[in-house]
Amino acid sequence: MRRYNHTSLIYNRTGQIVSFYPPDAEVIGEGAPTAAATYSVWGGTQSNDDAAKFTGAASLDAVNTTVDVASGYSEANRARIYVAATTDMVAGERYIVAGANREIVQARAISAGDHVTLANDLSYDYPITSSTVKGLRHYFTVDATFIALVSSINVWGADTVSATLGGVVTGSGGTQAPPYRVRWVYTTGSTVRESWTTFDVVRKPSKANLSYIDLLSVVPDVAYLEPLTQVGMHWAPQLVRAEMDVGLDLRAAGVDPDQVTDPDFYDRLCLWRWVVNIGQSLWLSNNEKPDWYDAFHTDYTQLRERYVGAGNKAWRATGSTGAINVAPPGNLWLR
């Protein structure tokens, strides 16, 4: 599971890539992208009628091959698709398999020149020659001049805030400014489409450093609970979702997750949310709430409130330099 609608780019690091996948419904309905997208980037508060910060032509995933051994629902191994070439294929990437039907798949492992093992079983049959496997991802490398400007860090209250952020300067205590907006124009099937994603420019993106061992320290028998559809993944999809949920919850509390520089707090918060999300998965799968779910959900909520609520104990870097603010602005919500 990957996240592409929003990303955090690191200031002054060239070669970083921004990616975009067309919505699944478009791809299933109309087929694979037929040409690489063009892109335009604006500051968060800029008008679409203003000059873009930078523009260009993206690249499109080069995977374009055919099925060379019958694969799919009727075969002994439904999670294996045989292809004429595995060139440019990457484990973890998503592709569209198309014949009489279409479905989007995620590669779990690549057997060079032979086949791809998928994260889930195929839902349809794909005969040889007439069935194809194609890439979906559009991507571009961020402009080197733009990313090297300290003024590109989108933080209000920074000493160098300039027109990079849309020409708006406020004294809001150094909290995160709106993200940059990316417009993608692309063709899926025969229809020209437009979609938007966002990104921040930061000194340090929020990132948990958790492993399956951390999870076992909290729920020792969790290995025996994982659904068959993701056995061997060690609950990794739920961890990705947990970080996304933590980011949203911190924003709701008035704290940008990229400003949190307290690894003990951030890792613990993500771990607790990981356990909560596993509990939600088991609840949906078994139609029964795990006995421990409520306790972990409460602990997660209380931990977040103690560190970023009125107590405001988490270390944060609220400016554009990366330095920790020893007394960051607190949050007071009244109703």
Protein backbone atom coordinates (compact mmCIF):
# COMPACT_ATOMS: atom_id res chain seq x y z
CA MET A 1 0.00 0.00 0.00
CA ARG A 2 1.42 3.35 -1.04
CA ARG A 3 0.28 6.92 -0.72
CA TYR A 4 0.62 9.38 -3.61
CA ASN A 5 -2.06 12.06 -3.19
CA HIS A 6 0.26 13.95 -0.85
CA THR A 7 3.97 13.71 -0.09
CA SER A 8 6.64 15.63 1.81
CA LEU A 9 9.77 16.64 -0.09
CA ILE A 10 13.05 17.39 1.67
CA TYR A 11 14.46 20.88 1.18
CA ASN A 12 17.68 21.12 -0.91
CA ARG A 13 17.72 17.46 -1.94
CA THR A 14 17.71 17.15 -5.72
CA GLY A 15 16.37 14.19 -7.65
CA GLN A 16 13.18 13.71 -5.62
CA ILE A 17 10.21 12.31 -7.50
CA VAL A 18 6.50 13.15 -7.26
CA SER A 19 4.17 10.38 -8.47
CA PHE A 20 0.54 10.08 -9.45
CA TYR A 21 -1.80 7.19 -10.24
CA PRO A 22 -5.06 7.79 -12.15
CA PRO A 23 -8.12 6.89 -10.06
CA ASP A 24 -8.93 3.19 -10.18
CA ALA A 25 -12.45 3.81 -11.49
CA GLU A 26 -11.08 5.63 -14.55
CA VAL A 27 -8.59 2.88 -15.30
CA ILE A 28 -11.08 0.03 -14.86
CA GLY A 29 -13.63 1.87 -16.99
CA GLU A 30 -11.39 3.12 -19.78
CA GLY A 31 -8.09 1.26 -19.67
CA ALA A 32 -4.44 2.13 -19.15
CA PRO A 33 -2.98 5.62 -19.63
CA THR A 34 -2.10 6.17 -23.27
CA ALA A 35 0.43 8.97 -22.79
CA ALA A 36 2.42 10.58 -20.00
CA ALA A 37 0.78 13.45 -18.13
CA THR A 38 1.81 17.07 -18.17
CA TYR A 39 2.11 18.77 -14.78
CA SER A 40 1.96 22.29 -13.32
CA VAL A 41 2.88 23.29 -9.75
CA TRP A 42 1.42 26.26 -7.82
CA GLY A 43 1.90 27.56 -4.29
CA GLY A 44 -0.95 26.63 -1.97
CA THR A 45 -2.50 30.10 -1.88
CA GLN A 46 -1.85 30.99 -5.51
CA SER A 47 -4.65 31.30 -8.03
CA ASN A 48 -4.74 28.81 -10.87
CA ASP A 49 -4.58 31.87 -13.11
CA ASP A 50 -1.16 32.85 -11.71
CA ALA A 51 2.05 31.72 -13.32
CA ALA A 52 2.97 28.22 -12.13
CA LYS A 53 6.16 27.70 -10.11
CA PHE A 54 7.31 25.13 -12.65
CA THR A 55 5.76 22.90 -15.30
CA GLY A 56 6.76 20.02 -17.51
CA ALA A 57 6.01 16.66 -19.09
CA ALA A 58 5.94 13.72 -16.70
CA SER A 59 7.16 10.21 -17.45
CA LEU A 60 4.84 7.19 -17.65
CA ASP A 61 5.69 3.77 -16.24
CA ALA A 62 7.27 1.93 -19.18
CA VAL A 63 5.80 -1.51 -18.38
CA ASN A 64 3.90 -2.74 -21.44
CA THR A 65 3.90 -6.49 -21.99
CA THR A 66 1.64 -9.41 -22.84
CA VAL A 67 0.54 -12.54 -21.01
CA ASP A 68 2.45 -15.49 -22.52
CA VAL A 69 1.02 -18.35 -20.42
CA ALA A 70 -2.66 -18.57 -19.52
CA SER A 71 -3.12 -16.94 -16.13
CA GLY A 72 -5.96 -16.10 -13.82
CA TYR A 73 -8.91 -17.41 -11.89
CA SER A 74 -9.05 -20.86 -13.53
CA GLU A 75 -5.36 -21.63 -13.01
CA ALA A 76 -3.80 -23.54 -10.12
CA ASN A 77 -2.03 -20.42 -8.84
CA ARG A 78 -4.44 -17.52 -9.13
CA ALA A 79 -1.92 -15.03 -7.73
CA ARG A 80 0.61 -15.60 -10.53
CA ILE A 81 0.60 -13.96 -13.94
CA TYR A 82 3.01 -15.07 -16.68
CA VAL A 83 4.34 -12.31 -18.90
CA ALA A 84 6.53 -12.02 -21.97
CA ALA A 85 8.87 -9.62 -20.18
CA THR A 86 9.38 -8.34 -16.66
CA THR A 87 11.52 -5.37 -17.76
CA ASP A 88 10.94 -2.30 -15.55
CA MET A 89 8.57 -4.20 -13.25
CA VAL A 90 9.04 -3.48 -9.53
CA ALA A 91 7.73 -5.33 -6.49
CA GLY A 92 5.14 -3.18 -4.74
CA GLU A 93 4.07 -1.34 -7.89
CA ARG A 94 0.55 -1.39 -9.30
CA TYR A 95 -0.34 -2.42 -12.85
CA ILE A 96 -3.45 -2.95 -14.95
CA VAL A 97 -4.10 -6.39 -16.40
CA ALA A 98 -6.48 -6.26 -19.33
CA GLY A 99 -8.16 -8.79 -21.61
CA ALA A 100 -11.90 -9.26 -21.87
CA ASN A 101 -11.92 -7.79 -18.35
CA ARG A 102 -9.68 -5.36 -16.50
CA GLU A 103 -8.31 -5.32 -12.98
CA ILE A 104 -5.60 -3.50 -11.08
CA VAL A 105 -2.96 -5.64 -9.40
CA GLN A 106 0.00 -5.09 -7.11
CA ALA A 107 3.23 -6.98 -7.71
CA ARG A 108 4.49 -8.87 -4.67
CA ALA A 109 7.54 -10.55 -6.23
CA ILE A 110 9.15 -10.63 -9.68
CA SER A 111 10.58 -13.77 -11.29
CA ALA A 112 12.76 -12.18 -13.98
CA GLY A 113 11.62 -12.92 -17.52
CA ASP A 114 8.91 -15.35 -16.42
CA HIS A 115 6.12 -14.30 -14.07
CA VAL A 116 4.90 -11.92 -11.39
CA THR A 117 3.49 -13.02 -8.04
CA LEU A 118 0.65 -10.73 -7.02
CA ALA A 119 -0.50 -9.50 -3.62
CA ASN A 120 -3.98 -10.93 -4.29
CA ASP A 121 -5.59 -13.55 -6.50
CA LEU A 122 -6.69 -12.59 -10.00
CA SER A 123 -10.45 -12.27 -10.40
CA TYR A 124 -10.62 -13.15 -14.11
CA ASP A 125 -8.89 -15.34 -16.68
CA TYR A 126 -6.31 -13.88 -19.04
CA PRO A 127 -5.46 -15.86 -22.18
CA ILE A 128 -2.14 -15.51 -24.00
CA THR A 129 -1.30 -12.81 -26.56
CA SER A 130 -4.55 -10.85 -26.27
CA SER A 131 -4.04 -9.99 -22.58
CA THR A 132 -1.75 -7.16 -21.54
CA VAL A 133 -0.03 -5.83 -18.41
CA LYS A 134 0.71 -2.09 -18.36
CA GLY A 135 2.04 0.50 -15.95
CA LEU A 136 -0.11 3.21 -14.37
CA ARG A 137 2.26 5.60 -12.63
CA HIS A 138 2.98 9.12 -13.92
CA TYR A 139 5.96 10.81 -12.26
CA PHE A 140 8.39 13.73 -12.52
CA THR A 141 11.59 14.89 -10.87
CA VAL A 142 11.15 18.09 -8.85
CA ASP A 143 12.80 21.21 -10.28
CA ALA A 144 16.34 21.46 -8.83
CA THR A 145 16.30 25.25 -8.48
CA PHE A 146 12.93 25.27 -6.70
CA ILE A 147 13.84 22.63 -4.14
CA ALA A 148 17.15 24.37 -3.32
CA LEU A 149 15.43 27.60 -2.17
CA VAL A 150 14.91 27.86 1.58
CA SER A 151 11.93 30.06 0.76
CA SER A 152 10.28 26.99 -0.78
CA ILE A 153 9.80 25.53 2.70
CA ASN A 154 6.10 26.17 3.22
CA VAL A 155 6.05 27.40 6.81
CA TRP A 156 4.30 30.63 7.84
CA GLY A 157 6.42 32.88 9.99
CA ALA A 158 9.71 31.80 8.41
CA ASP A 159 12.32 34.54 8.01
CA THR A 160 12.46 33.97 4.27
CA VAL A 161 8.80 33.60 3.38
CA SER A 162 8.38 35.03 -0.11
CA ALA A 163 6.21 34.81 -3.18
CA THR A 164 7.05 31.12 -3.26
CA LEU A 165 4.11 30.61 -0.91
CA GLY A 166 1.81 32.77 -2.98
CA GLY A 167 2.80 36.18 -1.64
CA VAL A 168 0.91 35.84 1.64
CA VAL A 169 2.81 36.44 4.87
CA THR A 170 1.18 35.94 8.25
CA GLY A 171 2.37 35.89 11.82
CA SER A 172 0.63 32.65 12.72
CA GLY A 173 3.39 31.30 14.92
CA GLY A 174 5.29 29.34 12.31
CA THR A 175 2.64 26.72 11.62
CA GLN A 176 2.56 24.83 8.35
CA ALA A 177 1.39 26.77 5.32
CA PRO A 178 -0.92 25.20 2.73
CA PRO A 179 0.85 22.65 0.52
CA TYR A 180 1.91 23.11 -3.08
CA ARG A 181 -0.68 21.97 -5.59
CA VAL A 182 0.09 19.81 -8.63
CA ARG A 183 -2.26 19.66 -11.62
CA TRP A 184 -1.92 16.54 -13.74
CA VAL A 185 -3.44 16.49 -17.24
CA TYR A 186 -3.43 13.04 -18.83
CA THR A 187 -5.28 10.72 -21.18
CA THR A 188 -6.80 7.46 -19.96
CA GLY A 189 -8.33 5.41 -22.75
CA SER A 190 -9.38 8.17 -25.13
CA THR A 191 -10.51 10.74 -22.55
CA VAL A 192 -8.43 13.73 -21.42
CA ARG A 193 -8.55 13.93 -17.64
CA GLU A 194 -7.35 16.27 -14.90
CA SER A 195 -6.44 15.45 -11.31
CA TRP A 196 -4.70 17.24 -8.44
CA THR A 197 -2.20 16.17 -5.78
CA THR A 198 -0.21 18.13 -3.19
CA PHE A 199 3.20 18.22 -1.57
CA ASP A 200 5.04 20.02 1.22
CA VAL A 201 8.69 21.11 1.27
CA VAL A 202 10.16 20.42 4.70
CA ARG A 203 13.44 20.00 6.54
CA LYS A 204 12.38 16.58 7.83
CA PRO A 205 9.32 14.58 6.88
CA SER A 206 7.45 12.74 9.60
CA LYS A 207 8.43 9.08 9.56
CA ALA A 208 7.91 6.27 12.04
CA ASN A 209 10.71 3.76 12.61
CA LEU A 210 8.69 0.70 13.58
CA SER A 211 9.08 -2.99 12.85
CA TYR A 212 7.13 -6.18 13.31
CA ILE A 213 9.17 -6.74 16.51
CA ASP A 214 7.66 -3.56 17.98
CA LEU A 215 4.21 -4.90 17.19
CA LEU A 216 4.96 -8.26 18.82
CA SER A 217 6.02 -6.46 21.99
CA VAL A 218 2.44 -5.21 22.32
CA VAL A 219 0.35 -8.02 20.77
CA PRO A 220 2.50 -11.20 20.98
CA ASP A 221 0.10 -13.47 19.08
CA VAL A 222 -0.60 -11.01 16.25
CA ALA A 223 1.28 -13.24 13.76
CA TYR A 224 -1.52 -15.80 14.03
CA LEU A 225 -4.25 -13.27 13.38
CA GLU A 226 -3.19 -11.89 9.99
CA PRO A 227 -5.72 -12.50 7.17
CA LEU A 228 -4.78 -15.09 4.55
CA THR A 229 -4.83 -12.42 1.85
CA GLN A 230 -1.82 -10.69 3.40
CA VAL A 231 0.04 -13.47 5.22
CA GLY A 232 3.76 -12.71 5.23
CA MET A 233 3.24 -8.96 5.00
CA HIS A 234 3.37 -8.63 8.81
CA TRP A 235 0.48 -6.16 8.88
CA ALA A 236 2.41 -3.68 6.74
CA PRO A 237 -0.70 -2.23 4.99
CA GLN A 238 -2.17 -1.37 8.39
CA LEU A 239 1.06 0.39 9.38
CA VAL A 240 0.98 2.57 6.26
CA ARG A 241 -2.63 3.47 7.02
CA ALA A 242 -1.72 4.13 10.67
CA GLU A 243 0.84 6.78 9.68
CA MET A 244 -1.70 8.42 7.41
CA ASP A 245 -4.27 8.42 10.23
CA VAL A 246 -1.76 9.86 12.70
CA GLY A 247 -0.96 12.66 10.26
CA LEU A 248 -4.62 13.57 9.90
CA ASP A 249 -5.22 13.37 13.65
CA LEU A 250 -2.25 15.64 14.38
CA ARG A 251 -3.48 18.17 11.83
CA ALA A 252 -6.90 18.08 13.50
CA ALA A 253 -5.11 18.97 16.74
CA GLY A 254 -3.43 21.96 15.06
CA VAL A 255 -0.01 20.33 14.63
CA ASP A 256 1.63 19.55 11.32
CA PRO A 257 3.14 16.04 11.52
CA ASP A 258 6.29 17.12 9.64
CA GLN A 259 7.07 19.53 12.51
CA VAL A 260 7.14 16.77 15.14
CA THR A 261 10.77 15.98 15.96
CA ASP A 262 10.10 13.74 18.95
CA PRO A 263 10.83 10.16 17.82
CA ASP A 264 9.76 8.51 21.08
CA PHE A 265 6.37 10.17 20.97
CA TYR A 266 5.82 9.78 17.22
CA ASP A 267 6.81 6.10 17.16
CA ARG A 268 4.64 5.31 20.15
CA LEU A 269 1.68 7.17 18.64
CA CYS A 270 2.04 5.32 15.33
CA LEU A 271 2.46 1.98 17.12
CA TRP A 272 -0.70 2.51 19.14
CA ARG A 273 -2.57 3.55 15.98
CA TRP A 274 -1.17 0.49 14.17
CA VAL A 275 -2.67 -1.77 16.84
CA VAL A 276 -5.99 0.10 16.60
CA ASN A 277 -6.07 -0.36 12.82
CA ILE A 278 -5.30 -4.07 13.17
CA GLY A 279 -8.19 -4.27 15.60
CA GLN A 280 -10.47 -2.60 13.06
CA SER A 281 -9.38 -5.13 10.39
CA LEU A 282 -10.09 -8.05 12.69
CA TRP A 283 -13.41 -6.53 13.68
CA LEU A 284 -14.51 -6.31 10.06
CA SER A 285 -13.18 -9.77 9.21
CA ASN A 286 -14.73 -11.58 12.18
CA ASN A 287 -17.75 -9.37 12.80
CA GLU A 288 -16.61 -9.15 16.42
CA LYS A 289 -14.68 -6.42 18.19
CA PRO A 290 -11.41 -7.66 19.78
CA ASP A 291 -11.44 -7.50 23.58
CA TRP A 292 -8.41 -5.20 23.60
CA TYR A 293 -9.63 -2.75 20.94
CA ASP A 294 -11.23 -0.15 23.23
CA ALA A 295 -8.22 -0.05 25.57
CA PHE A 296 -5.76 0.69 22.77
CA HIS A 297 -8.07 3.20 21.11
CA THR A 298 -8.36 5.08 24.42
CA ASP A 299 -4.60 4.94 25.02
CA TYR A 300 -3.96 6.27 21.52
CA THR A 301 -6.33 9.20 21.98
CA GLN A 302 -4.98 10.07 25.43
CA LEU A 303 -1.34 9.86 24.30
CA ARG A 304 -2.02 12.24 21.42
CA GLU A 305 -3.83 14.68 23.67
CA ARG A 306 -1.08 14.69 26.32
CA TYR A 307 1.65 15.50 23.82
CA VAL A 308 0.03 17.81 21.26
CA GLY A 309 -3.10 19.00 23.02
CA ALA A 310 -3.26 21.53 25.82
CA GLY A 311 -0.16 19.97 27.43
CA ASN A 312 1.87 20.41 24.23
CA LYS A 313 4.81 18.25 25.35
CA ALA A 314 6.03 16.93 21.98
CA TRP A 315 9.24 18.42 20.59
CA ARG A 316 8.48 20.40 17.44
CA ALA A 317 10.40 22.38 14.84
CA THR A 318 7.93 25.08 13.89
CA GLY A 319 10.16 27.25 11.70
CA SER A 320 12.04 26.70 8.45
CA THR A 321 15.49 25.90 9.91
CA GLY A 322 14.79 22.52 11.49
CA ALA A 323 15.65 23.81 14.98
CA ILE A 324 13.45 22.54 17.79
CA ASN A 325 11.21 25.19 19.30
CA VAL A 326 11.49 24.68 23.06
CA ALA A 327 8.16 26.43 23.63
CA PRO A 328 5.96 25.81 20.58
CA PRO A 329 2.57 27.50 20.44
CA GLY A 330 -0.09 25.54 22.29
CA ASN A 331 -3.57 24.76 21.10
CA LEU A 332 -6.67 26.01 22.89
CA TRP A 333 -10.02 24.90 21.50
CA LEU A 334 -13.20 26.46 22.83
CA ARG A 335 -16.79 25.63 22.05
